[in-house]
Protein backbone atom coordinates (compact mmCIF):
# COMPACT_ATOMS: atom_id res chain seq x y z
CA MET A 1 -6.72 -23.19 3.28
CA TYR A 2 -9.91 -23.67 5.12
CA GLU A 3 -12.77 -26.00 4.28
CA SER A 4 -15.63 -24.27 2.87
CA LEU A 5 -17.79 -25.51 5.79
CA THR A 6 -15.30 -24.08 8.29
CA VAL A 7 -15.60 -20.46 6.32
CA ALA A 8 -19.30 -20.93 6.41
CA ASP A 9 -19.47 -21.75 10.12
CA GLY A 10 -17.25 -18.46 10.79
CA PHE A 11 -20.01 -16.56 8.90
CA LEU A 12 -22.65 -18.08 10.83
CA ASP A 13 -21.05 -17.23 14.20
CA LEU A 14 -20.45 -13.64 13.03
CA SER A 15 -24.17 -13.51 12.02
CA ARG A 16 -25.35 -14.72 15.52
CA GLU A 17 -23.02 -12.32 17.28
CA ARG A 18 -24.63 -9.52 15.30
CA ASP A 19 -28.08 -10.86 15.57
CA ARG A 20 -28.49 -11.00 11.74
CA ALA A 21 -29.93 -14.10 9.87
CA LEU A 22 -28.30 -15.17 6.61
CA THR A 23 -30.08 -17.04 3.80
CA PRO A 24 -28.59 -20.12 2.33
CA MET A 25 -27.81 -18.00 -0.88
CA GLN A 26 -26.05 -15.16 1.21
CA LEU A 27 -23.90 -17.86 3.06
CA LEU A 28 -22.96 -19.40 -0.27
CA LYS A 29 -22.18 -16.04 -1.86
CA LEU A 30 -19.98 -15.02 1.19
CA ASP A 31 -18.18 -18.21 1.22
CA TYR A 32 -17.67 -17.94 -2.60
CA ILE A 33 -16.42 -14.21 -2.24
CA ALA A 34 -14.22 -15.25 0.63
CA HIS A 35 -12.54 -17.99 -1.52
CA GLY A 36 -11.92 -15.49 -4.33
CA TRP A 37 -10.26 -12.97 -2.08
CA ARG A 38 -8.11 -15.47 -0.46
CA LEU A 39 -6.78 -16.66 -3.90
CA GLY A 40 -6.51 -12.97 -5.28
CA LEU A 41 -4.45 -11.94 -2.17
CA SER A 42 -2.30 -14.92 -2.01
CA ARG A 43 -1.34 -14.59 -5.63
CA LEU A 44 -0.80 -10.86 -4.98
CA THR A 45 1.27 -11.07 -1.79
CA HIS A 46 3.20 -14.28 -2.74
CA THR A 47 4.79 -13.37 -6.19
CA PRO A 48 8.36 -13.75 -6.56
CA GLY A 49 10.49 -10.94 -4.96
CA THR A 50 7.79 -10.11 -2.27
CA PRO A 51 8.77 -10.65 1.57
CA TRP A 52 6.23 -13.57 1.63
CA ALA A 53 8.10 -15.33 -1.23
CA GLN A 54 11.37 -14.73 0.25
CA THR A 55 10.57 -16.41 3.50
CA HIS A 56 8.55 -19.28 1.99
CA GLU A 57 9.92 -22.75 2.64
CA PRO A 58 7.71 -25.64 1.46
CA GLY A 59 6.23 -27.52 4.27
CA VAL A 60 7.24 -24.83 7.09
CA PHE A 61 4.37 -22.67 8.28
CA SER A 62 4.51 -19.58 10.44
CA LEU A 63 7.96 -18.28 9.36
CA PRO A 64 8.46 -14.68 10.35
CA ILE A 65 8.52 -11.99 7.91
CA THR A 66 10.56 -9.14 9.28
CA ASN A 67 9.51 -5.59 9.37
CA ASP A 68 12.60 -4.75 7.40
CA LEU A 69 11.79 -7.01 4.58
CA ILE A 70 8.11 -5.53 4.38
CA GLU A 71 9.39 -2.06 4.56
CA ASP A 72 12.03 -2.64 1.84
CA HIS A 73 9.40 -4.22 -0.41
CA TYR A 74 7.06 -1.27 0.01
CA GLU A 75 9.70 1.34 -0.64
CA LYS A 76 10.58 -0.36 -3.80
CA LEU A 77 7.00 -0.42 -4.88
CA ALA A 78 6.77 3.31 -4.27
CA HIS A 79 9.77 4.08 -6.09
CA ILE A 80 8.64 2.00 -9.19
CA ARG A 81 5.34 3.81 -8.96
CA GLU A 82 7.04 7.23 -8.88
CA ASP A 83 9.37 6.28 -11.60
CA SER A 84 6.36 5.15 -13.89
CA SER A 85 3.84 7.98 -13.27
CA PRO A 86 3.76 10.59 -15.96
CA ARG A 87 5.58 13.77 -15.26
CA MET A 88 3.99 17.18 -15.92
CA ASN A 89 6.44 19.44 -17.80
CA PRO A 90 6.13 23.08 -17.11
CA PRO A 91 4.78 25.14 -20.10
CA ALA A 92 7.39 26.74 -22.45
CA PRO A 93 7.50 30.45 -22.13
CA GLU A 94 5.48 32.15 -24.61
CA GLY A 95 7.30 33.63 -27.62
CA GLY A 96 10.34 31.87 -26.93
């Protein structure tokens, strides 16, 4: 995880590249939002059974996550979604 000052410096670099000034409050809010997204995405992607969790080894960084693991994970998610979505039954014939 990056220090908040490092993230803020990144936002300042981007603002200079785009010739847009940031107020101190905007910088604080951007840093806060970036931190929240990082926490939320990390929890989402690192839950048990995901490719990230399957390849995680404490203290080891940059382990490869194969395309096969990612593909299998998202295929399972698609099937779970299909199985849990409500099905529309065709209407019964009238008078029958």
